[in-house]
Amino acid sequence: MRAERFDERTAQNVATASTSVPPPVARDEIVCQSATATPRPYSRLEGHGPPTSHARQQRALRQGCEHRRVAEFVVRPARAGDARAMAELMATVAEERDGIASEPPVDIEERAAFFARSADGSVIAAAHGQIVGLLHVHVSRFGFGELAMLVDRDWRGRGVGSALVQAAIDYARGQGLHKLCLEVFAHNAAAIALYRKFDFAEEGRRRQQYRRASGELWDSIVMGLAL
């Protein structure tokens, strides 16, 4: 997830959020709630004639949101109405000063405007009416996608990250991308292990790439997955 640049379009695997989200649209959502399940892709968007680019993106996102049962949460495509809750989740992540490049203060209004504009390429996970995770795929005109992901601190290790990454892979394939890539802090062992589980490979190390507010210079790892 180019987790180190959610100032532009990114963020990474961490956070604790208490933001409310609008009720999900039932036909867009998947409820994940136990140890195993049979994948069941969503049906095609309703409508007539050739699907629009927006429709293709939304269909691909829904197909990436299959039944992946772990703890009970919902995975669905993001909507513009989710933007502020997504921005507040990101701000909470930034307060941790550890998993993403952004550090406080985060401009909530600016971030919300970005998330509203980029909702077509985003998926959210929600539990009990709150956003507990989000993932965005920035699609390059060169045929690859860059990942960004956040997971609420209380939901880490409960399957949310795995469900979101799988949704991103399915979405990227549905969009005809040839590769997904991301950037992660070198010390973020949990995130690196998650990506390796999905066969992302390390492609390089950027030494002293990110200057933190403390003055420290942190390394990052570049990872990629050929589709």
C-alpha atoms as a PDB file:
ATOM      1  CA  MET A   1       0.000   0.000   0.000  1.00  0.00           C
ATOM      2  CA  ARG A   2       2.023   2.712  -0.722  1.00  0.00           C
ATOM      3  CA  ALA A   3       1.350   3.051   2.904  1.00  0.00           C
ATOM      4  CA  GLU A   4       3.928   5.703   3.169  1.00  0.00           C
ATOM      5  CA  ARG A   5       2.095   8.227   0.990  1.00  0.00           C
ATOM      6  CA  PHE A   6      -1.483   8.572   2.046  1.00  0.00           C
ATOM      7  CA  ASP A   7      -0.782  12.282   1.870  1.00  0.00           C
ATOM      8  CA  GLU A   8      -1.400  11.648  -1.821  1.00  0.00           C
ATOM      9  CA  ARG A   9      -3.207   8.361  -2.032  1.00  0.00           C
ATOM     10  CA  THR A  10      -1.886   6.058   0.640  1.00  0.00           C
ATOM     11  CA  ALA A  11      -1.788   4.568   4.133  1.00  0.00           C
ATOM     12  CA  GLN A  12      -1.055   1.271   5.810  1.00  0.00           C
ATOM     13  CA  ASN A  13      -2.263  -1.463   8.065  1.00  0.00           C
ATOM     14  CA  VAL A  14      -3.111   0.161  11.381  1.00  0.00           C
ATOM     15  CA  ALA A  15      -5.583   2.283  13.405  1.00  0.00           C
ATOM     16  CA  THR A  16      -8.278   2.589  16.002  1.00  0.00           C
ATOM     17  CA  ALA A  17     -11.440   4.293  14.780  1.00  0.00           C
ATOM     18  CA  SER A  18     -14.783   5.172  16.310  1.00  0.00           C
ATOM     19  CA  THR A  19     -16.402   6.833  13.315  1.00  0.00           C
ATOM     20  CA  SER A  20     -19.913   6.087  12.193  1.00  0.00           C
ATOM     21  CA  VAL A  21     -20.651   5.078   8.638  1.00  0.00           C
ATOM     22  CA  PRO A  22     -23.869   5.124   6.631  1.00  0.00           C
ATOM     23  CA  PRO A  23     -25.818   1.849   6.531  1.00  0.00           C
ATOM     24  CA  PRO A  24     -24.281  -0.347   3.808  1.00  0.00           C
ATOM     25  CA  VAL A  25     -26.168  -1.197   0.643  1.00  0.00           C
ATOM     26  CA  ALA A  26     -27.188  -4.814   1.155  1.00  0.00           C
ATOM     27  CA  ARG A  27     -26.467  -6.056  -2.364  1.00  0.00           C
ATOM     28  CA  ASP A  28     -22.970  -4.584  -2.293  1.00  0.00           C
ATOM     29  CA  GLU A  29     -21.820  -6.078   0.987  1.00  0.00           C
ATOM     30  CA  ILE A  30     -20.353  -9.334   2.221  1.00  0.00           C
ATOM     31  CA  VAL A  31     -20.579 -10.425   5.819  1.00  0.00           C
ATOM     32  CA  CYS A  32     -17.540 -12.295   7.114  1.00  0.00           C
ATOM     33  CA  GLN A  33     -18.163 -14.135  10.342  1.00  0.00           C
ATOM     34  CA  SER A  34     -16.424 -17.481  10.942  1.00  0.00           C
ATOM     35  CA  ALA A  35     -13.407 -19.549  10.005  1.00  0.00           C
ATOM     36  CA  THR A  36     -14.169 -20.678   6.461  1.00  0.00           C
ATOM     37  CA  ALA A  37     -16.584 -20.108   3.624  1.00  0.00           C
ATOM     38  CA  THR A  38     -17.089 -20.705  -0.051  1.00  0.00           C
ATOM     39  CA  PRO A  39     -16.249 -17.672  -2.210  1.00  0.00           C
ATOM     40  CA  ARG A  40     -19.352 -16.205  -3.795  1.00  0.00           C
ATOM     41  CA  PRO A  41     -18.819 -13.329  -6.240  1.00  0.00           C
ATOM     42  CA  TYR A  42     -21.432 -10.650  -6.629  1.00  0.00           C
ATOM     43  CA  SER A  43     -23.722 -10.627  -9.607  1.00  0.00           C
ATOM     44  CA  ARG A  44     -23.334  -8.039 -12.342  1.00  0.00           C
ATOM     45  CA  LEU A  45     -24.532  -4.511 -11.767  1.00  0.00           C
ATOM     46  CA  GLU A  46     -28.083  -3.888 -12.841  1.00  0.00           C
ATOM     47  CA  GLY A  47     -28.528  -1.858 -15.982  1.00  0.00           C
ATOM     48  CA  HIS A  48     -28.755  -2.021 -19.736  1.00  0.00           C
ATOM     49  CA  GLY A  49     -26.148  -1.830 -22.460  1.00  0.00           C
ATOM     50  CA  PRO A  50     -22.367  -1.979 -22.104  1.00  0.00           C
ATOM     51  CA  PRO A  51     -21.174  -1.239 -18.561  1.00  0.00           C
ATOM     52  CA  THR A  52     -19.558   2.126 -17.967  1.00  0.00           C
ATOM     53  CA  SER A  53     -16.043   2.471 -16.566  1.00  0.00           C
ATOM     54  CA  HIS A  54     -17.594   3.259 -13.184  1.00  0.00           C
ATOM     55  CA  ALA A  55     -19.805   0.179 -13.417  1.00  0.00           C
ATOM     56  CA  ARG A  56     -16.854  -2.031 -14.348  1.00  0.00           C
ATOM     57  CA  GLN A  57     -14.887  -0.707 -11.371  1.00  0.00           C
ATOM     58  CA  GLN A  58     -17.766  -1.273  -8.977  1.00  0.00           C
ATOM     59  CA  ARG A  59     -18.393  -4.782 -10.350  1.00  0.00           C
ATOM     60  CA  ALA A  60     -14.727  -5.650  -9.955  1.00  0.00           C
ATOM     61  CA  LEU A  61     -14.727  -4.334  -6.397  1.00  0.00           C
ATOM     62  CA  ARG A  62     -17.779  -6.403  -5.525  1.00  0.00           C
ATOM     63  CA  GLN A  63     -16.242  -9.496  -7.067  1.00  0.00           C
ATOM     64  CA  GLY A  64     -13.213  -8.897  -4.850  1.00  0.00           C
ATOM     65  CA  CYS A  65     -15.467  -8.761  -1.783  1.00  0.00           C
ATOM     66  CA  GLU A  66     -16.185 -12.479  -1.514  1.00  0.00           C
ATOM     67  CA  HIS A  67     -17.299 -14.376   1.579  1.00  0.00           C
ATOM     68  CA  ARG A  68     -14.123 -14.513   3.620  1.00  0.00           C
ATOM     69  CA  ARG A  69     -15.245 -15.472   7.115  1.00  0.00           C
ATOM     70  CA  VAL A  70     -13.199 -14.574  10.166  1.00  0.00           C
ATOM     71  CA  ALA A  71     -14.708 -12.228  12.755  1.00  0.00           C
ATOM     72  CA  GLU A  72     -17.989 -10.578  11.832  1.00  0.00           C
ATOM     73  CA  PHE A  73     -17.485  -7.591   9.567  1.00  0.00           C
ATOM     74  CA  VAL A  74     -18.757  -6.329   6.242  1.00  0.00           C
ATOM     75  CA  VAL A  75     -16.593  -5.702   3.170  1.00  0.00           C
ATOM     76  CA  ARG A  76     -18.071  -3.498   0.458  1.00  0.00           C
ATOM     77  CA  PRO A  77     -17.123  -0.852  -2.101  1.00  0.00           C
ATOM     78  CA  ALA A  78     -16.619   2.586  -0.600  1.00  0.00           C
ATOM     79  CA  ARG A  79     -19.023   5.403  -1.343  1.00  0.00           C
ATOM     80  CA  ALA A  80     -18.505   9.157  -1.314  1.00  0.00           C
ATOM     81  CA  GLY A  81     -20.607   9.277   1.847  1.00  0.00           C
ATOM     82  CA  ASP A  82     -17.948   7.243   3.662  1.00  0.00           C
ATOM     83  CA  ALA A  83     -15.254   9.839   2.982  1.00  0.00           C
ATOM     84  CA  ARG A  84     -15.238  11.647   6.316  1.00  0.00           C
ATOM     85  CA  ALA A  85     -15.216   8.430   8.350  1.00  0.00           C
ATOM     86  CA  MET A  86     -12.347   7.180   6.186  1.00  0.00           C
ATOM     87  CA  ALA A  87     -10.439  10.420   6.786  1.00  0.00           C
ATOM     88  CA  GLU A  88     -10.991  10.152  10.536  1.00  0.00           C
ATOM     89  CA  LEU A  89      -9.700   6.586  10.473  1.00  0.00           C
ATOM     90  CA  MET A  90      -6.594   7.775   8.678  1.00  0.00           C
ATOM     91  CA  ALA A  91      -6.105  10.551  11.238  1.00  0.00           C
ATOM     92  CA  THR A  92      -6.259   7.961  14.008  1.00  0.00           C
ATOM     93  CA  VAL A  93      -3.598   5.907  12.218  1.00  0.00           C
ATOM     94  CA  ALA A  94      -1.401   8.956  11.902  1.00  0.00           C
ATOM     95  CA  GLU A  95      -1.598   9.484  15.678  1.00  0.00           C
ATOM     96  CA  GLU A  96       0.286   6.199  16.080  1.00  0.00           C
ATOM     97  CA  ARG A  97       3.267   7.718  14.204  1.00  0.00           C
ATOM     98  CA  ASP A  98       4.358   4.262  13.148  1.00  0.00           C
ATOM     99  CA  GLY A  99       2.575   2.614  10.213  1.00  0.00           C
ATOM    100  CA  ILE A 100       2.088   5.378   7.658  1.00  0.00           C
ATOM    101  CA  ALA A 101       4.057   8.345   6.399  1.00  0.00           C
ATOM    102  CA  SER A 102       1.487  10.920   7.524  1.00  0.00           C
ATOM    103  CA  GLU A 103       1.863  12.249  11.040  1.00  0.00           C
ATOM    104  CA  PRO A 104      -0.490  14.519  12.963  1.00  0.00           C
ATOM    105  CA  PRO A 105      -2.057  16.899  12.445  1.00  0.00           C
ATOM    106  CA  VAL A 106      -4.090  15.470   9.554  1.00  0.00           C
ATOM    107  CA  ASP A 107      -6.391  17.867   7.713  1.00  0.00           C
ATOM    108  CA  ILE A 108      -9.662  15.914   7.941  1.00  0.00           C
ATOM    109  CA  GLU A 109     -11.490  18.056   5.392  1.00  0.00           C
ATOM    110  CA  GLU A 110      -8.708  17.723   2.821  1.00  0.00           C
ATOM    111  CA  ARG A 111      -8.464  13.959   3.344  1.00  0.00           C
ATOM    112  CA  ALA A 112     -12.235  13.552   3.160  1.00  0.00           C
ATOM    113  CA  ALA A 113     -12.304  15.416  -0.152  1.00  0.00           C
ATOM    114  CA  PHE A 114      -9.627  13.077  -1.492  1.00  0.00           C
ATOM    115  CA  PHE A 115     -11.479   9.947  -0.352  1.00  0.00           C
ATOM    116  CA  ALA A 116     -14.711  11.233  -1.880  1.00  0.00           C
ATOM    117  CA  ARG A 117     -12.970  11.759  -5.228  1.00  0.00           C
ATOM    118  CA  SER A 118     -11.288   8.351  -5.145  1.00  0.00           C
ATOM    119  CA  ALA A 119     -14.166   6.229  -3.817  1.00  0.00           C
ATOM    120  CA  ASP A 120     -14.438   4.231  -7.063  1.00  0.00           C
ATOM    121  CA  GLY A 121     -11.140   2.494  -6.356  1.00  0.00           C
ATOM    122  CA  SER A 122     -11.720   1.897  -2.646  1.00  0.00           C
ATOM    123  CA  VAL A 123     -13.135  -0.870  -0.455  1.00  0.00           C
ATOM    124  CA  ILE A 124     -14.091  -0.549   3.194  1.00  0.00           C
ATOM    125  CA  ALA A 125     -14.586  -3.029   6.025  1.00  0.00           C
ATOM    126  CA  ALA A 126     -17.218  -2.132   8.609  1.00  0.00           C
ATOM    127  CA  ALA A 127     -18.359  -3.658  11.894  1.00  0.00           C
ATOM    128  CA  HIS A 128     -21.140  -2.485  14.172  1.00  0.00           C
ATOM    129  CA  GLY A 129     -21.733   0.596  12.024  1.00  0.00           C
ATOM    130  CA  GLN A 130     -18.119   1.744  12.089  1.00  0.00           C
ATOM    131  CA  ILE A 131     -15.359   1.637   9.502  1.00  0.00           C
ATOM    132  CA  VAL A 132     -12.663  -0.737  10.743  1.00  0.00           C
ATOM    133  CA  GLY A 133     -10.539  -0.916   7.607  1.00  0.00           C
ATOM    134  CA  LEU A 134     -10.121   0.575   4.175  1.00  0.00           C
ATOM    135  CA  LEU A 135      -8.119  -0.129   1.061  1.00  0.00           C
ATOM    136  CA  HIS A 136      -7.534   1.946  -2.052  1.00  0.00           C
ATOM    137  CA  VAL A 137      -6.034   0.919  -5.382  1.00  0.00           C
ATOM    138  CA  HIS A 138      -4.615   3.781  -7.413  1.00  0.00           C
ATOM    139  CA  VAL A 139      -4.672   2.616 -11.028  1.00  0.00           C
ATOM    140  CA  SER A 140      -1.771   3.818 -13.147  1.00  0.00           C
ATOM    141  CA  ARG A 141      -2.204   4.469 -16.864  1.00  0.00           C
ATOM    142  CA  PHE A 142       0.746   2.093 -17.275  1.00  0.00           C
ATOM    143  CA  GLY A 143      -1.314  -0.904 -16.186  1.00  0.00           C
ATOM    144  CA  PHE A 144      -0.307  -1.392 -12.547  1.00  0.00           C
ATOM    145  CA  GLY A 145      -2.035  -0.526  -9.290  1.00  0.00           C
ATOM    146  CA  GLU A 146      -0.637   0.909  -6.053  1.00  0.00           C
ATOM    147  CA  LEU A 147      -2.162  -0.289  -2.789  1.00  0.00           C
ATOM    148  CA  ALA A 148      -2.983   1.692   0.325  1.00  0.00           C
ATOM    149  CA  MET A 149      -4.604   0.108   3.386  1.00  0.00           C
ATOM    150  CA  LEU A 150      -5.655   0.911   6.959  1.00  0.00           C
ATOM    151  CA  VAL A 151      -6.983  -1.457   9.622  1.00  0.00           C
ATOM    152  CA  ASP A 152      -8.428  -0.428  12.978  1.00  0.00           C
ATOM    153  CA  ARG A 153      -6.102  -1.434  15.825  1.00  0.00           C
ATOM    154  CA  ASP A 154      -8.802  -3.502  17.527  1.00  0.00           C
ATOM    155  CA  TRP A 155      -9.379  -5.454  14.295  1.00  0.00           C
ATOM    156  CA  ARG A 156      -5.818  -6.335  13.421  1.00  0.00           C
ATOM    157  CA  GLY A 157      -5.183 -10.059  13.322  1.00  0.00           C
ATOM    158  CA  ARG A 158      -8.896 -10.782  12.829  1.00  0.00           C
ATOM    159  CA  GLY A 159      -8.956 -11.196   9.051  1.00  0.00           C
ATOM    160  CA  VAL A 160      -9.800  -7.663   7.946  1.00  0.00           C
ATOM    161  CA  GLY A 161      -6.427  -7.039   6.297  1.00  0.00           C
ATOM    162  CA  SER A 162      -6.541 -10.382   4.490  1.00  0.00           C
ATOM    163  CA  ALA A 163     -10.067  -9.758   3.225  1.00  0.00           C
ATOM    164  CA  LEU A 164      -9.124  -6.307   1.952  1.00  0.00           C
ATOM    165  CA  VAL A 165      -5.940  -7.488   0.216  1.00  0.00           C
ATOM    166  CA  GLN A 166      -7.824 -10.323  -1.491  1.00  0.00           C
ATOM    167  CA  ALA A 167     -10.484  -7.849  -2.608  1.00  0.00           C
ATOM    168  CA  ALA A 168      -7.740  -5.646  -4.068  1.00  0.00           C
ATOM    169  CA  ILE A 169      -6.219  -8.550  -5.998  1.00  0.00           C
ATOM    170  CA  ASP A 170      -9.580  -9.567  -7.430  1.00  0.00           C
ATOM    171  CA  TYR A 171     -10.396  -5.957  -8.285  1.00  0.00           C
ATOM    172  CA  ALA A 172      -7.043  -5.460 -10.018  1.00  0.00           C
ATOM    173  CA  ARG A 173      -7.536  -8.585 -12.117  1.00  0.00           C
ATOM    174  CA  GLY A 174     -11.032  -7.433 -12.994  1.00  0.00           C
ATOM    175  CA  GLN A 175      -9.558  -4.130 -14.185  1.00  0.00           C
ATOM    176  CA  GLY A 176      -7.019  -5.955 -16.370  1.00  0.00           C
ATOM    177  CA  LEU A 177      -3.991  -4.752 -14.399  1.00  0.00           C
ATOM    178  CA  HIS A 178      -0.781  -6.725 -14.771  1.00  0.00           C
ATOM    179  CA  LYS A 179       0.680  -5.904 -11.344  1.00  0.00           C
ATOM    180  CA  LEU A 180       0.002  -4.588  -7.855  1.00  0.00           C
ATOM    181  CA  CYS A 181       2.694  -2.806  -5.868  1.00  0.00           C
ATOM    182  CA  LEU A 182       3.089  -1.163  -2.486  1.00  0.00           C
ATOM    183  CA  GLU A 183       5.574   0.417  -0.130  1.00  0.00           C
ATOM    184  CA  VAL A 184       5.818  -0.433   3.560  1.00  0.00           C
ATOM    185  CA  PHE A 185       8.057   0.676   6.408  1.00  0.00           C
ATOM    186  CA  ALA A 186      10.864  -1.833   6.873  1.00  0.00           C
ATOM    187  CA  HIS A 187      10.014  -2.303  10.571  1.00  0.00           C
ATOM    188  CA  ASN A 188       6.342  -3.140   9.913  1.00  0.00           C
ATOM    189  CA  ALA A 189       6.774  -6.912  10.213  1.00  0.00           C
ATOM    190  CA  ALA A 190       3.058  -7.688  10.516  1.00  0.00           C
ATOM    191  CA  ALA A 191       2.193  -5.888   7.282  1.00  0.00           C
ATOM    192  CA  ILE A 192       5.124  -7.439   5.416  1.00  0.00           C
ATOM    193  CA  ALA A 193       4.044 -10.917   6.579  1.00  0.00           C
ATOM    194  CA  LEU A 194       0.494 -10.241   5.369  1.00  0.00           C
ATOM    195  CA  TYR A 195       1.673  -9.235   1.911  1.00  0.00           C
ATOM    196  CA  ARG A 196       3.998 -12.212   1.672  1.00  0.00           C
ATOM    197  CA  LYS A 197       1.041 -14.463   2.464  1.00  0.00           C
ATOM    198  CA  PHE A 198      -0.513 -13.206  -0.776  1.00  0.00           C
ATOM    199  CA  ASP A 199       2.773 -13.765  -2.676  1.00  0.00           C
ATOM    200  CA  PHE A 200       3.918 -10.164  -2.810  1.00  0.00           C
ATOM    201  CA  ALA A 201       7.692 -10.219  -3.274  1.00  0.00           C
ATOM    202  CA  GLU A 202      10.237  -7.717  -1.999  1.00  0.00           C
ATOM    203  CA  GLU A 203      11.651  -5.746  -4.915  1.00  0.00           C
ATOM    204  CA  GLY A 204      13.960  -3.342  -3.152  1.00  0.00           C
ATOM    205  CA  ARG A 205      14.757  -1.281  -0.095  1.00  0.00           C
ATOM    206  CA  ARG A 206      14.736   2.503   0.074  1.00  0.00           C
ATOM    207  CA  ARG A 207      17.215   3.437   2.748  1.00  0.00           C
ATOM    208  CA  GLN A 208      16.517   6.476   4.903  1.00  0.00           C
ATOM    209  CA  GLN A 209      13.616   7.331   2.624  1.00  0.00           C
ATOM    210  CA  TYR A 210      11.210   8.972   5.070  1.00  0.00           C
ATOM    211  CA  ARG A 211      12.069  11.829   7.418  1.00  0.00           C
ATOM    212  CA  ARG A 212       9.880  11.648  10.516  1.00  0.00           C
ATOM    213  CA  ALA A 213       8.830  14.501  12.761  1.00  0.00           C
ATOM    214  CA  SER A 214      11.332  13.192  15.307  1.00  0.00           C
ATOM    215  CA  GLY A 215      14.124  13.726  12.786  1.00  0.00           C
ATOM    216  CA  GLU A 216      14.664   9.991  12.279  1.00  0.00           C
ATOM    217  CA  LEU A 217      15.106   8.630   8.751  1.00  0.00           C
ATOM    218  CA  TRP A 218      13.180   5.400   8.124  1.00  0.00           C
ATOM    219  CA  ASP A 219      13.755   2.720   5.492  1.00  0.00           C
ATOM    220  CA  SER A 220      10.926   1.368   3.359  1.00  0.00           C
ATOM    221  CA  ILE A 221      10.442  -1.879   1.447  1.00  0.00           C
ATOM    222  CA  VAL A 222       8.988  -1.941  -2.068  1.00  0.00           C
ATOM    223  CA  MET A 223       6.873  -5.028  -2.793  1.00  0.00           C
ATOM    224  CA  GLY A 224       5.038  -6.237  -5.874  1.00  0.00           C
ATOM    225  CA  LEU A 225       2.682  -8.955  -7.080  1.00  0.00           C
ATOM    226  CA  ALA A 226       2.520  -9.982 -10.739  1.00  0.00           C
ATOM    227  CA  LEU A 227      -1.058 -10.766 -11.716  1.00  0.00           C
END
